[in-house]
């Protein structure tokens, strides 16, 4: 998640600079506020592809044995449904 925050912060900073705003720390505050607003609305920011840890957790949470590729397929289907 840290990489995402840094990427968002850099992009917000770039846009603010283009608009003539040069306030130290403002882009980080905007980034954190945007992520908090998503969280408050019940959304989670997740990667498009599941991490190894996510696959392992999915397998452990299932009542039945899930193969890693099955876990990936379920995850991808959930992401796709969320984008539609």
N, C-alpha and C. Protein backbone atom coordinates (compact mmCIF):
# COMPACT_ATOMS: atom_id res chain seq x y z
N UNK A 1 0.82 -1.19 0.00
CA UNK A 1 0.00 0.00 0.00
C UNK A 1 0.87 1.26 0.00
N UNK A 2 2.05 1.17 0.60
CA UNK A 2 2.94 2.32 0.65
C UNK A 2 3.32 2.79 -0.74
N UNK A 3 3.59 1.85 -1.66
CA UNK A 3 3.93 2.23 -3.03
C UNK A 3 2.77 2.99 -3.68
N UNK A 4 1.55 2.54 -3.44
CA UNK A 4 0.37 3.21 -4.00
C UNK A 4 0.25 4.63 -3.45
N UNK A 5 0.43 4.79 -2.16
CA UNK A 5 0.35 6.12 -1.55
C UNK A 5 1.41 7.03 -2.14
N UNK A 6 2.62 6.53 -2.30
CA UNK A 6 3.70 7.34 -2.88
C UNK A 6 3.39 7.71 -4.33
N UNK A 7 2.86 6.77 -5.11
CA UNK A 7 2.52 7.05 -6.50
C UNK A 7 1.41 8.10 -6.58
N UNK A 8 0.38 7.95 -5.74
CA UNK A 8 -0.71 8.92 -5.73
C UNK A 8 -0.20 10.29 -5.28
N UNK A 9 0.62 10.30 -4.27
CA UNK A 9 1.19 11.54 -3.75
C UNK A 9 1.98 12.27 -4.83
N UNK A 10 2.80 11.52 -5.57
CA UNK A 10 3.59 12.13 -6.65
C UNK A 10 2.68 12.71 -7.73
N UNK A 11 1.63 11.99 -8.09
CA UNK A 11 0.74 12.47 -9.15
C UNK A 11 -0.04 13.71 -8.69
N UNK A 12 -0.54 13.68 -7.46
CA UNK A 12 -1.24 14.86 -6.93
C UNK A 12 -0.29 16.04 -6.86
N UNK A 13 0.93 15.79 -6.41
CA UNK A 13 1.94 16.85 -6.33
C UNK A 13 2.20 17.46 -7.71
N UNK A 14 2.31 16.60 -8.73
CA UNK A 14 2.55 17.07 -10.10
C UNK A 14 1.39 17.95 -10.57
N UNK A 15 0.17 17.52 -10.31
CA UNK A 15 -1.00 18.28 -10.75
C UNK A 15 -1.07 19.62 -10.01
N UNK A 16 -0.86 19.59 -8.71
CA UNK A 16 -0.88 20.84 -7.94
C UNK A 16 0.17 21.82 -8.45
N UNK A 17 1.36 21.31 -8.79
CA UNK A 17 2.42 22.16 -9.31
C UNK A 17 1.99 22.78 -10.65
N UNK A 18 1.36 21.96 -11.52
CA UNK A 18 0.88 22.48 -12.80
C UNK A 18 -0.15 23.57 -12.60
N UNK A 19 -0.94 23.46 -11.55
CA UNK A 19 -1.99 24.45 -11.26
C UNK A 19 -1.45 25.66 -10.50
N UNK A 20 -0.16 25.64 -10.19
CA UNK A 20 0.45 26.78 -9.53
C UNK A 20 0.46 26.71 -8.01
N UNK A 21 0.09 25.57 -7.46
CA UNK A 21 0.12 25.40 -6.02
C UNK A 21 1.43 24.72 -5.64
N UNK A 22 2.11 25.26 -4.67
CA UNK A 22 3.37 24.66 -4.23
C UNK A 22 3.43 24.69 -2.70
N UNK A 23 2.52 23.94 -2.09
CA UNK A 23 2.45 23.87 -0.64
C UNK A 23 3.02 22.54 -0.18
N UNK A 24 4.05 22.60 0.61
CA UNK A 24 4.70 21.38 1.11
C UNK A 24 3.72 20.53 1.91
N UNK A 25 3.62 19.27 1.54
CA UNK A 25 2.79 18.33 2.29
C UNK A 25 1.34 18.28 1.87
N UNK A 26 0.90 19.21 1.03
CA UNK A 26 -0.51 19.24 0.63
C UNK A 26 -0.90 18.01 -0.16
N UNK A 27 -0.03 17.55 -1.06
CA UNK A 27 -0.37 16.39 -1.89
C UNK A 27 -0.55 15.14 -1.03
N UNK A 28 0.27 15.00 0.00
CA UNK A 28 0.13 13.83 0.89
C UNK A 28 -1.18 13.90 1.65
N UNK A 29 -1.58 15.08 2.09
CA UNK A 29 -2.85 15.23 2.80
C UNK A 29 -4.02 14.90 1.89
N UNK A 30 -3.96 15.33 0.64
CA UNK A 30 -5.02 15.03 -0.32
C UNK A 30 -5.08 13.53 -0.58
N UNK A 31 -3.91 12.91 -0.77
CA UNK A 31 -3.84 11.47 -1.01
C UNK A 31 -4.44 10.70 0.16
N UNK A 32 -4.03 11.03 1.37
CA UNK A 32 -4.54 10.35 2.56
C UNK A 32 -6.05 10.57 2.72
N UNK A 33 -6.52 11.77 2.42
CA UNK A 33 -7.95 12.05 2.53
C UNK A 33 -8.75 11.24 1.51
N UNK A 34 -8.21 11.10 0.29
CA UNK A 34 -8.90 10.32 -0.75
C UNK A 34 -8.99 8.86 -0.35
N UNK A 35 -7.90 8.30 0.15
CA UNK A 35 -7.91 6.90 0.57
C UNK A 35 -8.83 6.70 1.78
N UNK A 36 -8.86 7.65 2.69
CA UNK A 36 -9.74 7.55 3.85
C UNK A 36 -11.21 7.64 3.43
N UNK A 37 -11.50 8.49 2.46
CA UNK A 37 -12.88 8.61 1.96
C UNK A 37 -13.34 7.30 1.33
N UNK A 38 -12.46 6.65 0.58
CA UNK A 38 -12.79 5.34 0.00
C UNK A 38 -13.06 4.33 1.11
N UNK A 39 -12.19 4.31 2.11
CA UNK A 39 -12.36 3.39 3.24
C UNK A 39 -13.67 3.65 3.97
N UNK A 40 -13.96 4.91 4.24
CA UNK A 40 -15.19 5.27 4.94
C UNK A 40 -16.44 4.87 4.16
N UNK A 41 -16.33 4.87 2.83
CA UNK A 41 -17.46 4.49 1.98
C UNK A 41 -17.59 2.98 1.82
N UNK A 42 -16.67 2.23 2.46
CA UNK A 42 -16.75 0.78 2.42
C UNK A 42 -15.94 0.13 1.31
N UNK A 43 -15.06 0.89 0.71
CA UNK A 43 -14.24 0.34 -0.37
C UNK A 43 -12.84 0.02 0.14
N UNK A 44 -12.20 -0.92 -0.53
CA UNK A 44 -10.81 -1.25 -0.22
C UNK A 44 -10.01 -1.12 -1.51
N UNK A 45 -8.81 -0.62 -1.38
CA UNK A 45 -7.91 -0.52 -2.52
C UNK A 45 -7.04 -1.77 -2.51
N UNK A 46 -7.18 -2.56 -3.54
CA UNK A 46 -6.46 -3.84 -3.62
C UNK A 46 -5.75 -3.94 -4.96
N UNK A 47 -4.71 -4.77 -5.03
CA UNK A 47 -4.03 -4.96 -6.31
C UNK A 47 -4.90 -5.76 -7.29
N UNK A 48 -4.70 -5.56 -8.58
CA UNK A 48 -5.47 -6.32 -9.59
C UNK A 48 -5.14 -7.80 -9.55
N UNK A 49 -3.92 -8.12 -9.23
CA UNK A 49 -3.50 -9.52 -9.13
C UNK A 49 -3.26 -9.83 -7.65
N UNK A 50 -3.75 -10.98 -7.18
CA UNK A 50 -3.55 -11.32 -5.77
C UNK A 50 -2.09 -11.61 -5.46
N UNK A 51 -1.68 -11.24 -4.27
CA UNK A 51 -0.32 -11.55 -3.82
C UNK A 51 -0.28 -13.00 -3.34
N UNK A 52 0.91 -13.51 -3.15
CA UNK A 52 1.05 -14.89 -2.63
C UNK A 52 0.37 -15.02 -1.28
N UNK A 53 0.50 -14.01 -0.45
CA UNK A 53 -0.12 -14.05 0.88
C UNK A 53 -1.65 -14.08 0.76
N UNK A 54 -2.19 -13.34 -0.19
CA UNK A 54 -3.65 -13.34 -0.40
C UNK A 54 -4.13 -14.72 -0.85
N UNK A 55 -3.37 -15.36 -1.72
CA UNK A 55 -3.71 -16.71 -2.19
C UNK A 55 -3.70 -17.68 -1.01
N UNK A 56 -2.66 -17.60 -0.20
CA UNK A 56 -2.55 -18.48 0.97
C UNK A 56 -3.72 -18.26 1.92
N UNK A 57 -4.06 -17.00 2.19
CA UNK A 57 -5.18 -16.69 3.09
C UNK A 57 -6.50 -17.21 2.53
N UNK A 58 -6.68 -17.11 1.21
CA UNK A 58 -7.90 -17.62 0.58
C UNK A 58 -8.00 -19.13 0.75
N UNK A 59 -6.88 -19.81 0.56
CA UNK A 59 -6.88 -21.26 0.73
C UNK A 59 -7.19 -21.65 2.17
N UNK A 60 -6.64 -20.90 3.12
CA UNK A 60 -6.88 -21.19 4.54
C UNK A 60 -8.32 -20.87 4.96
N UNK A 61 -8.94 -19.90 4.30
CA UNK A 61 -10.30 -19.50 4.65
C UNK A 61 -11.35 -20.44 4.06
N UNK A 62 -10.99 -21.18 3.05
CA UNK A 62 -11.95 -22.05 2.37
C UNK A 62 -12.18 -23.34 3.16
N UNK A 63 -13.43 -23.82 3.11
CA UNK A 63 -13.74 -25.10 3.75
C UNK A 63 -13.23 -26.26 2.91
N UNK A 64 -13.04 -26.01 1.63
CA UNK A 64 -12.55 -27.02 0.72
C UNK A 64 -11.17 -26.63 0.25
N UNK A 65 -10.43 -27.62 -0.18
CA UNK A 65 -9.08 -27.37 -0.70
C UNK A 65 -9.19 -26.59 -1.99
N UNK A 66 -8.57 -25.44 -2.02
CA UNK A 66 -8.53 -24.63 -3.24
C UNK A 66 -7.10 -24.64 -3.76
N UNK A 67 -6.97 -24.84 -5.04
CA UNK A 67 -5.66 -24.75 -5.67
C UNK A 67 -5.35 -23.27 -5.89
N UNK A 68 -4.08 -22.90 -5.88
CA UNK A 68 -3.73 -21.49 -6.06
C UNK A 68 -4.36 -20.86 -7.31
N UNK A 69 -4.41 -21.61 -8.41
CA UNK A 69 -4.99 -21.04 -9.63
C UNK A 69 -6.48 -20.79 -9.47
N UNK A 70 -7.18 -21.65 -8.70
CA UNK A 70 -8.60 -21.42 -8.43
C UNK A 70 -8.78 -20.15 -7.62
N UNK A 71 -7.92 -19.96 -6.63
CA UNK A 71 -8.00 -18.74 -5.81
C UNK A 71 -7.77 -17.50 -6.67
N UNK A 72 -6.79 -17.58 -7.58
CA UNK A 72 -6.52 -16.45 -8.48
C UNK A 72 -7.73 -16.17 -9.38
N UNK A 73 -8.34 -17.22 -9.89
CA UNK A 73 -9.49 -17.05 -10.79
C UNK A 73 -10.66 -16.40 -10.06
N UNK A 74 -10.91 -16.83 -8.83
CA UNK A 74 -11.99 -16.22 -8.03
C UNK A 74 -11.69 -14.75 -7.77
N UNK A 75 -10.46 -14.46 -7.40
CA UNK A 75 -10.06 -13.09 -7.13
C UNK A 75 -10.22 -12.21 -8.37
N UNK A 76 -9.73 -12.70 -9.51
CA UNK A 76 -9.84 -11.92 -10.75
C UNK A 76 -11.31 -11.67 -11.12
N UNK A 77 -12.15 -12.66 -10.89
CA UNK A 77 -13.58 -12.50 -11.19
C UNK A 77 -14.18 -11.43 -10.30
N UNK A 78 -13.77 -11.38 -9.04
CA UNK A 78 -14.28 -10.36 -8.13
C UNK A 78 -13.83 -8.98 -8.55
N UNK A 79 -12.57 -8.84 -8.95
CA UNK A 79 -12.06 -7.53 -9.41
C UNK A 79 -12.80 -7.11 -10.68
N UNK A 80 -12.99 -8.03 -11.61
CA UNK A 80 -13.69 -7.70 -12.85
C UNK A 80 -15.12 -7.25 -12.57
N UNK A 81 -15.79 -7.95 -11.68
CA UNK A 81 -17.17 -7.56 -11.34
C UNK A 81 -17.21 -6.17 -10.72
N UNK A 82 -16.19 -5.84 -9.93
CA UNK A 82 -16.13 -4.53 -9.30
C UNK A 82 -15.87 -3.41 -10.29
N UNK A 83 -15.26 -3.73 -11.42
CA UNK A 83 -14.96 -2.71 -12.43
C UNK A 83 -16.15 -2.44 -13.35
N UNK A 84 -17.11 -3.34 -13.37
CA UNK A 84 -18.24 -3.17 -14.28
C UNK A 84 -19.32 -2.29 -13.70
